[in-house]
Amino acid sequence: RESMVLENVGFKFIETILHPFTDRLYEKE
């Protein structure tokens, strides 16, 4: 919703934040 509103008022490039994650690291080599 916030992204669409910013586009509507003139923002041309809207950067979103992604939070990649991994779990069970003890199982990985």
PDB file of all heavy atoms in Angstrom:
ATOM      1  N   ARG A   1       0.838  -1.206   0.000  1.00  0.00           N
ATOM      2  CA  ARG A   1       0.000   0.000   0.000  1.00  0.00           C
ATOM      3  C   ARG A   1       0.873   1.256   0.000  1.00  0.00           C
ATOM      4  O   ARG A   1       0.652   2.189  -0.774  1.00  0.00           O
ATOM      5  CB  ARG A   1      -0.901  -0.002   1.239  1.00  0.00           C
ATOM      6  CG  ARG A   1      -1.829   1.218   1.327  1.00  0.00           C
ATOM      7  CD  ARG A   1      -2.451   1.318   2.708  1.00  0.00           C
ATOM      8  NE  ARG A   1      -3.186   0.108   3.032  1.00  0.00           N
ATOM      9  CZ  ARG A   1      -4.452   0.100   3.448  1.00  0.00           C
ATOM     10  NH1 ARG A   1      -5.112   1.231   3.579  1.00  0.00           N
ATOM     11  NH2 ARG A   1      -5.039  -1.025   3.763  1.00  0.00           N
ATOM     12  N   GLU A   2       1.892   1.245   0.851  1.00  0.00           N
ATOM     13  CA  GLU A   2       2.796   2.400   0.917  1.00  0.00           C
ATOM     14  C   GLU A   2       3.547   2.591  -0.402  1.00  0.00           C
ATOM     15  O   GLU A   2       3.733   3.715  -0.876  1.00  0.00           O
ATOM     16  CB  GLU A   2       3.778   2.219   2.071  1.00  0.00           C
ATOM     17  CG  GLU A   2       3.175   2.398   3.457  1.00  0.00           C
ATOM     18  CD  GLU A   2       2.267   1.260   3.892  1.00  0.00           C
ATOM     19  OE1 GLU A   2       2.310   0.179   3.262  1.00  0.00           O
ATOM     20  OE2 GLU A   2       1.520   1.443   4.856  1.00  0.00           O
ATOM     21  N   SER A   3       3.969   1.482  -0.991  1.00  0.00           N
ATOM     22  CA  SER A   3       4.676   1.552  -2.269  1.00  0.00           C
ATOM     23  C   SER A   3       3.800   2.158  -3.351  1.00  0.00           C
ATOM     24  O   SER A   3       4.243   3.023  -4.129  1.00  0.00           O
ATOM     25  CB  SER A   3       5.134   0.148  -2.678  1.00  0.00           C
ATOM     26  OG  SER A   3       5.759   0.169  -3.939  1.00  0.00           O
ATOM     27  N   MET A   4       2.548   1.742  -3.427  1.00  0.00           N
ATOM     28  CA  MET A   4       1.639   2.257  -4.451  1.00  0.00           C
ATOM     29  C   MET A   4       1.340   3.744  -4.245  1.00  0.00           C
ATOM     30  O   MET A   4       1.258   4.512  -5.209  1.00  0.00           O
ATOM     31  CB  MET A   4       0.350   1.434  -4.463  1.00  0.00           C
ATOM     32  CG  MET A   4       0.533   0.026  -5.004  1.00  0.00           C
ATOM     33  SD  MET A   4      -1.029  -0.883  -5.193  1.00  0.00           S
ATOM     34  CE  MET A   4      -1.446  -1.175  -3.462  1.00  0.00           C
ATOM     35  N   VAL A   5       1.187   4.159  -2.984  1.00  0.00           N
ATOM     36  CA  VAL A   5       0.930   5.572  -2.707  1.00  0.00           C
ATOM     37  C   VAL A   5       2.114   6.425  -3.135  1.00  0.00           C
ATOM     38  O   VAL A   5       1.945   7.491  -3.752  1.00  0.00           O
ATOM     39  CB  VAL A   5       0.616   5.782  -1.207  1.00  0.00           C
ATOM     40  CG1 VAL A   5       0.683   7.267  -0.849  1.00  0.00           C
ATOM     41  CG2 VAL A   5      -0.756   5.224  -0.876  1.00  0.00           C
ATOM     42  N   LEU A   6       3.327   5.971  -2.820  1.00  0.00           N
ATOM     43  CA  LEU A   6       4.505   6.734  -3.221  1.00  0.00           C
ATOM     44  C   LEU A   6       4.610   6.847  -4.740  1.00  0.00           C
ATOM     45  O   LEU A   6       4.983   7.891  -5.274  1.00  0.00           O
ATOM     46  CB  LEU A   6       5.765   6.079  -2.640  1.00  0.00           C
ATOM     47  CG  LEU A   6       5.913   6.191  -1.115  1.00  0.00           C
ATOM     48  CD1 LEU A   6       7.105   5.380  -0.631  1.00  0.00           C
ATOM     49  CD2 LEU A   6       6.055   7.646  -0.681  1.00  0.00           C
ATOM     50  N   GLU A   7       4.275   5.776  -5.441  1.00  0.00           N
ATOM     51  CA  GLU A   7       4.255   5.854  -6.904  1.00  0.00           C
ATOM     52  C   GLU A   7       3.215   6.865  -7.376  1.00  0.00           C
ATOM     53  O   GLU A   7       3.458   7.628  -8.324  1.00  0.00           O
ATOM     54  CB  GLU A   7       3.953   4.480  -7.494  1.00  0.00           C
ATOM     55  CG  GLU A   7       5.102   3.498  -7.388  1.00  0.00           C
ATOM     56  CD  GLU A   7       4.789   2.200  -8.095  1.00  0.00           C
ATOM     57  OE1 GLU A   7       4.193   1.310  -7.456  1.00  0.00           O
ATOM     58  OE2 GLU A   7       5.122   2.088  -9.292  1.00  0.00           O
ATOM     59  N   ASN A   8       2.052   6.889  -6.735  1.00  0.00           N
ATOM     60  CA  ASN A   8       0.982   7.796  -7.138  1.00  0.00           C
ATOM     61  C   ASN A   8       1.354   9.257  -6.960  1.00  0.00           C
ATOM     62  O   ASN A   8       0.850  10.122  -7.699  1.00  0.00           O
ATOM     63  CB  ASN A   8      -0.297   7.496  -6.342  1.00  0.00           C
ATOM     64  CG  ASN A   8      -0.939   6.188  -6.736  1.00  0.00           C
ATOM     65  OD1 ASN A   8      -0.676   5.651  -7.821  1.00  0.00           O
ATOM     66  ND2 ASN A   8      -1.787   5.650  -5.872  1.00  0.00           N
ATOM     67  N   VAL A   9       2.218   9.560  -5.982  1.00  0.00           N
ATOM     68  CA  VAL A   9       2.587  10.965  -5.742  1.00  0.00           C
ATOM     69  C   VAL A   9       3.865  11.363  -6.471  1.00  0.00           C
ATOM     70  O   VAL A   9       4.368  12.467  -6.279  1.00  0.00           O
ATOM     71  CB  VAL A   9       2.731  11.262  -4.230  1.00  0.00           C
ATOM     72  CG1 VAL A   9       1.418  11.003  -3.511  1.00  0.00           C
ATOM     73  CG2 VAL A   9       3.860  10.446  -3.616  1.00  0.00           C
ATOM     74  N   GLY A  10       4.413  10.444  -7.294  1.00  0.00           N
ATOM     75  CA  GLY A  10       5.533  10.842  -8.138  1.00  0.00           C
ATOM     76  C   GLY A  10       6.837  10.118  -7.938  1.00  0.00           C
ATOM     77  O   GLY A  10       7.803  10.396  -8.654  1.00  0.00           O
ATOM     78  N   PHE A  11       6.921   9.188  -6.985  1.00  0.00           N
ATOM     79  CA  PHE A  11       8.155   8.425  -6.817  1.00  0.00           C
ATOM     80  C   PHE A  11       8.333   7.496  -8.015  1.00  0.00           C
ATOM     81  O   PHE A  11       7.408   6.777  -8.397  1.00  0.00           O
ATOM     82  CB  PHE A  11       8.128   7.615  -5.520  1.00  0.00           C
ATOM     83  CG  PHE A  11       8.500   8.407  -4.299  1.00  0.00           C
ATOM     84  CD1 PHE A  11       7.666   9.405  -3.812  1.00  0.00           C
ATOM     85  CD2 PHE A  11       9.697   8.168  -3.640  1.00  0.00           C
ATOM     86  CE1 PHE A  11       8.007  10.145  -2.701  1.00  0.00           C
ATOM     87  CE2 PHE A  11      10.046   8.900  -2.520  1.00  0.00           C
ATOM     88  CZ  PHE A  11       9.209   9.894  -2.046  1.00  0.00           C
ATOM     89  N   LYS A  12       9.522   7.505  -8.577  1.00  0.00           N
ATOM     90  CA  LYS A  12       9.775   6.741  -9.795  1.00  0.00           C
ATOM     91  C   LYS A  12      10.521   5.444  -9.549  1.00  0.00           C
ATOM     92  O   LYS A  12      10.477   4.533 -10.347  1.00  0.00           O
ATOM     93  CB  LYS A  12      10.581   7.598 -10.787  1.00  0.00           C
ATOM     94  CG  LYS A  12       9.873   8.881 -11.207  1.00  0.00           C
ATOM     95  CD  LYS A  12       8.533   8.599 -11.866  1.00  0.00           C
ATOM     96  CE  LYS A  12       7.873   9.872 -12.330  1.00  0.00           C
ATOM     97  NZ  LYS A  12       6.529   9.625 -12.887  1.00  0.00           N
ATOM     98  N   PHE A  13      11.248   5.381  -8.459  1.00  0.00           N
ATOM     99  CA  PHE A  13      11.975   4.147  -8.133  1.00  0.00           C
ATOM    100  C   PHE A  13      11.821   3.913  -6.654  1.00  0.00           C
ATOM    101  O   PHE A  13      12.300   4.687  -5.839  1.00  0.00           O
ATOM    102  CB  PHE A  13      13.458   4.282  -8.502  1.00  0.00           C
ATOM    103  CG  PHE A  13      14.263   3.048  -8.186  1.00  0.00           C
ATOM    104  CD1 PHE A  13      14.367   2.012  -9.096  1.00  0.00           C
ATOM    105  CD2 PHE A  13      14.916   2.918  -6.971  1.00  0.00           C
ATOM    106  CE1 PHE A  13      15.096   0.879  -8.812  1.00  0.00           C
ATOM    107  CE2 PHE A  13      15.639   1.783  -6.669  1.00  0.00           C
ATOM    108  CZ  PHE A  13      15.745   0.761  -7.600  1.00  0.00           C
ATOM    109  N   ILE A  14      11.120   2.869  -6.290  1.00  0.00           N
ATOM    110  CA  ILE A  14      10.860   2.596  -4.882  1.00  0.00           C
ATOM    111  C   ILE A  14      11.627   1.352  -4.486  1.00  0.00           C
ATOM    112  O   ILE A  14      11.448   0.277  -5.061  1.00  0.00           O
ATOM    113  CB  ILE A  14       9.359   2.429  -4.615  1.00  0.00           C
ATOM    114  CG1 ILE A  14       8.642   3.751  -4.927  1.00  0.00           C
ATOM    115  CG2 ILE A  14       9.111   2.018  -3.170  1.00  0.00           C
ATOM    116  CD1 ILE A  14       7.141   3.685  -4.788  1.00  0.00           C
ATOM    117  N   GLU A  15      12.512   1.505  -3.526  1.00  0.00           N
ATOM    118  CA  GLU A  15      13.381   0.412  -3.093  1.00  0.00           C
ATOM    119  C   GLU A  15      12.747  -0.329  -1.926  1.00  0.00           C
ATOM    120  O   GLU A  15      12.346   0.285  -0.939  1.00  0.00           O
ATOM    121  CB  GLU A  15      14.738   0.967  -2.675  1.00  0.00           C
ATOM    122  CG  GLU A  15      15.721  -0.097  -2.261  1.00  0.00           C
ATOM    123  CD  GLU A  15      17.065   0.501  -1.913  1.00  0.00           C
ATOM    124  OE1 GLU A  15      17.129   1.671  -1.529  1.00  0.00           O
ATOM    125  OE2 GLU A  15      18.056  -0.228  -2.032  1.00  0.00           O
ATOM    126  N   THR A  16      12.617  -1.623  -2.063  1.00  0.00           N
ATOM    127  CA  THR A  16      12.086  -2.422  -0.972  1.00  0.00           C
ATOM    128  C   THR A  16      13.217  -3.196  -0.300  1.00  0.00           C
ATOM    129  O   THR A  16      14.260  -3.431  -0.904  1.00  0.00           O
ATOM    130  CB  THR A  16      11.022  -3.412  -1.463  1.00  0.00           C
ATOM    131  OG1 THR A  16      11.605  -4.276  -2.441  1.00  0.00           O
ATOM    132  CG2 THR A  16       9.851  -2.679  -2.083  1.00  0.00           C
ATOM    133  N   ILE A  17      13.013  -3.566   0.938  1.00  0.00           N
ATOM    134  CA  ILE A  17      14.028  -4.282   1.704  1.00  0.00           C
ATOM    135  C   ILE A  17      13.617  -5.748   1.820  1.00  0.00           C
ATOM    136  O   ILE A  17      12.524  -6.062   2.275  1.00  0.00           O
ATOM    137  CB  ILE A  17      14.183  -3.678   3.106  1.00  0.00           C
ATOM    138  CG1 ILE A  17      14.613  -2.199   3.001  1.00  0.00           C
ATOM    139  CG2 ILE A  17      15.211  -4.461   3.925  1.00  0.00           C
ATOM    140  CD1 ILE A  17      14.665  -1.496   4.339  1.00  0.00           C
ATOM    141  N   LEU A  18      14.510  -6.632   1.400  1.00  0.00           N
ATOM    142  CA  LEU A  18      14.298  -8.054   1.562  1.00  0.00           C
ATOM    143  C   LEU A  18      15.195  -8.563   2.683  1.00  0.00           C
ATOM    144  O   LEU A  18      16.314  -8.084   2.855  1.00  0.00           O
ATOM    145  CB  LEU A  18      14.611  -8.799   0.262  1.00  0.00           C
ATOM    146  CG  LEU A  18      13.766  -8.421  -0.957  1.00  0.00           C
ATOM    147  CD1 LEU A  18      14.242  -9.192  -2.178  1.00  0.00           C
ATOM    148  CD2 LEU A  18      12.288  -8.692  -0.712  1.00  0.00           C
ATOM    149  N   HIS A  19      14.727  -9.519   3.432  1.00  0.00           N
ATOM    150  CA  HIS A  19      15.499 -10.076   4.541  1.00  0.00           C
ATOM    151  C   HIS A  19      15.677 -11.580   4.330  1.00  0.00           C
ATOM    152  O   HIS A  19      14.966 -12.388   4.933  1.00  0.00           O
ATOM    153  CB  HIS A  19      14.798  -9.799   5.872  1.00  0.00           C
ATOM    154  CG  HIS A  19      14.757  -8.359   6.253  1.00  0.00           C
ATOM    155  ND1 HIS A  19      15.848  -7.695   6.758  1.00  0.00           N
ATOM    156  CD2 HIS A  19      13.774  -7.435   6.166  1.00  0.00           C
ATOM    157  CE1 HIS A  19      15.534  -6.433   6.994  1.00  0.00           C
ATOM    158  NE2 HIS A  19      14.284  -6.249   6.637  1.00  0.00           N
ATOM    159  N   PRO A  20      16.617 -11.959   3.469  1.00  0.00           N
ATOM    160  CA  PRO A  20      16.861 -13.397   3.300  1.00  0.00           C
ATOM    161  C   PRO A  20      17.437 -13.986   4.580  1.00  0.00           C
ATOM    162  O   PRO A  20      18.125 -13.297   5.336  1.00  0.00           O
ATOM    163  CB  PRO A  20      17.886 -13.443   2.162  1.00  0.00           C
ATOM    164  CG  PRO A  20      18.570 -12.122   2.229  1.00  0.00           C
ATOM    165  CD  PRO A  20      17.527 -11.139   2.678  1.00  0.00           C
ATOM    166  N   PHE A  21      17.152 -15.256   4.816  1.00  0.00           N
ATOM    167  CA  PHE A  21      17.673 -15.867   6.025  1.00  0.00           C
ATOM    168  C   PHE A  21      17.897 -17.357   5.768  1.00  0.00           C
ATOM    169  O   PHE A  21      17.395 -17.932   4.812  1.00  0.00           O
ATOM    170  CB  PHE A  21      16.698 -15.687   7.194  1.00  0.00           C
ATOM    171  CG  PHE A  21      15.419 -16.470   7.039  1.00  0.00           C
ATOM    172  CD1 PHE A  21      15.264 -17.733   7.619  1.00  0.00           C
ATOM    173  CD2 PHE A  21      14.372 -15.958   6.297  1.00  0.00           C
ATOM    174  CE1 PHE A  21      14.093 -18.458   7.460  1.00  0.00           C
ATOM    175  CE2 PHE A  21      13.200 -16.675   6.135  1.00  0.00           C
ATOM    176  CZ  PHE A  21      13.061 -17.925   6.713  1.00  0.00           C
ATOM    177  N   THR A  22      18.666 -17.928   6.617  1.00  0.00           N
ATOM    178  CA  THR A  22      18.868 -19.365   6.573  1.00  0.00           C
ATOM    179  C   THR A  22      18.877 -19.877   8.001  1.00  0.00           C
ATOM    180  O   THR A  22      19.267 -19.170   8.930  1.00  0.00           O
ATOM    181  CB  THR A  22      20.175 -19.737   5.855  1.00  0.00           C
ATOM    182  OG1 THR A  22      20.275 -21.166   5.769  1.00  0.00           O
ATOM    183  CG2 THR A  22      21.385 -19.201   6.599  1.00  0.00           C
ATOM    184  N   ASP A  23      18.409 -21.102   8.175  1.00  0.00           N
ATOM    185  CA  ASP A  23      18.412 -21.677   9.511  1.00  0.00           C
ATOM    186  C   ASP A  23      19.116 -23.030   9.477  1.00  0.00           C
ATOM    187  O   ASP A  23      19.613 -23.472   8.460  1.00  0.00           O
ATOM    188  CB  ASP A  23      16.973 -21.808  10.045  1.00  0.00           C
ATOM    189  CG  ASP A  23      16.102 -22.657   9.128  1.00  0.00           C
ATOM    190  OD1 ASP A  23      16.621 -23.167   8.119  1.00  0.00           O
ATOM    191  OD2 ASP A  23      14.907 -22.797   9.422  1.00  0.00           O
ATOM    192  N   ARG A  24      19.208 -23.649  10.620  1.00  0.00           N
ATOM    193  CA  ARG A  24      19.833 -24.968  10.758  1.00  0.00           C
ATOM    194  C   ARG A  24      21.243 -24.969  10.143  1.00  0.00           C
ATOM    195  O   ARG A  24      21.637 -25.891   9.418  1.00  0.00           O
ATOM    196  CB  ARG A  24      18.961 -26.052  10.118  1.00  0.00           C
ATOM    197  CG  ARG A  24      17.542 -26.080  10.670  1.00  0.00           C
ATOM    198  CD  ARG A  24      16.694 -27.131   9.977  1.00  0.00           C
ATOM    199  NE  ARG A  24      17.079 -28.465  10.383  1.00  0.00           N
ATOM    200  CZ  ARG A  24      16.568 -29.084  11.447  1.00  0.00           C
ATOM    201  NH1 ARG A  24      15.672 -28.484  12.199  1.00  0.00           N
ATOM    202  NH2 ARG A  24      16.959 -30.310  11.758  1.00  0.00           N
ATOM    203  N   LEU A  25      21.982 -23.917  10.455  1.00  0.00           N
ATOM    204  CA  LEU A  25      23.337 -23.820   9.908  1.00  0.00           C
ATOM    205  C   LEU A  25      24.224 -24.977  10.354  1.00  0.00           C
ATOM    206  O   LEU A  25      25.167 -25.341   9.659  1.00  0.00           O
ATOM    207  CB  LEU A  25      23.974 -22.481  10.332  1.00  0.00           C
ATOM    208  CG  LEU A  25      23.445 -21.220   9.634  1.00  0.00           C
ATOM    209  CD1 LEU A  25      24.082 -19.983  10.258  1.00  0.00           C
ATOM    210  CD2 LEU A  25      23.738 -21.256   8.153  1.00  0.00           C
ATOM    211  N   TYR A  26      23.905 -25.542  11.492  1.00  0.00           N
ATOM    212  CA  TYR A  26      24.726 -26.649  11.984  1.00  0.00           C
ATOM    213  C   TYR A  26      24.632 -27.882  11.093  1.00  0.00           C
ATOM    214  O   TYR A  26      25.471 -28.786  11.174  1.00  0.00           O
ATOM    215  CB  TYR A  26      24.318 -27.004  13.421  1.00  0.00           C
ATOM    216  CG  TYR A  26      22.875 -27.422  13.580  1.00  0.00           C
ATOM    217  CD1 TYR A  26      22.473 -28.742  13.382  1.00  0.00           C
ATOM    218  CD2 TYR A  26      21.919 -26.475  13.944  1.00  0.00           C
ATOM    219  CE1 TYR A  26      21.144 -29.118  13.525  1.00  0.00           C
ATOM    220  CE2 TYR A  26      20.588 -26.853  14.090  1.00  0.00           C
ATOM    221  CZ  TYR A  26      20.206 -28.167  13.890  1.00  0.00           C
ATOM    222  OH  TYR A  26      18.891 -28.523  14.029  1.00  0.00           O
ATOM    223  N   GLU A  27      23.612 -27.922  10.206  1.00  0.00           N
ATOM    224  CA  GLU A  27      23.475 -29.062   9.305  1.00  0.00           C
ATOM    225  C   GLU A  27      24.202 -28.835   7.976  1.00  0.00           C
ATOM    226  O   GLU A  27      24.292 -29.745   7.152  1.00  0.00           O
ATOM    227  CB  GLU A  27      21.997 -29.335   9.029  1.00  0.00           C
ATOM    228  CG  GLU A  27      21.226 -29.792  10.255  1.00  0.00           C
ATOM    229  CD  GLU A  27      19.776 -30.094   9.929  1.00  0.00           C
ATOM    230  OE1 GLU A  27      19.365 -29.818   8.776  1.00  0.00           O
ATOM    231  OE2 GLU A  27      19.066 -30.607  10.811  1.00  0.00           O
ATOM    232  N   LYS A  28      24.686 -27.626   7.760  1.00  0.00           N
ATOM    233  CA  LYS A  28      25.316 -27.292   6.488  1.00  0.00           C
ATOM    234  C   LYS A  28      26.831 -27.467   6.576  1.00  0.00           C
ATOM    235  O   LYS A  28      27.435 -27.265   7.624  1.00  0.00           O
ATOM    236  CB  LYS A  28      24.955 -25.864   6.074  1.00  0.00           C
ATOM    237  CG  LYS A  28      23.454 -25.628   5.991  1.00  0.00           C
ATOM    238  CD  LYS A  28      23.123 -24.229   5.551  1.00  0.00           C
ATOM    239  CE  LYS A  28      21.620 -23.985   5.610  1.00  0.00           C
ATOM    240  NZ  LYS A  28      20.891 -24.878   4.711  1.00  0.00           N
ATOM    241  N   GLU A  29      27.406 -27.795   5.456  1.00  0.00           N
ATOM    242  CA  GLU A  29      28.848 -28.021   5.409  1.00  0.00           C
ATOM    243  C   GLU A  29      29.509 -26.874   4.643  1.00  0.00           C
ATOM    244  O   GLU A  29      29.126 -26.556   3.515  1.00  0.00           O
ATOM    245  CB  GLU A  29      29.165 -29.347   4.706  1.00  0.00           C
ATOM    246  CG  GLU A  29      30.655 -29.674   4.668  1.00  0.00           C
ATOM    247  CD  GLU A  29      30.938 -31.015   4.030  1.00  0.00           C
ATOM    248  OE1 GLU A  29      29.976 -31.764   3.782  1.00  0.00           O
ATOM    249  OE2 GLU A  29      32.118 -31.306   3.784  1.00  0.00           O
TER     250      GLU A  29
END
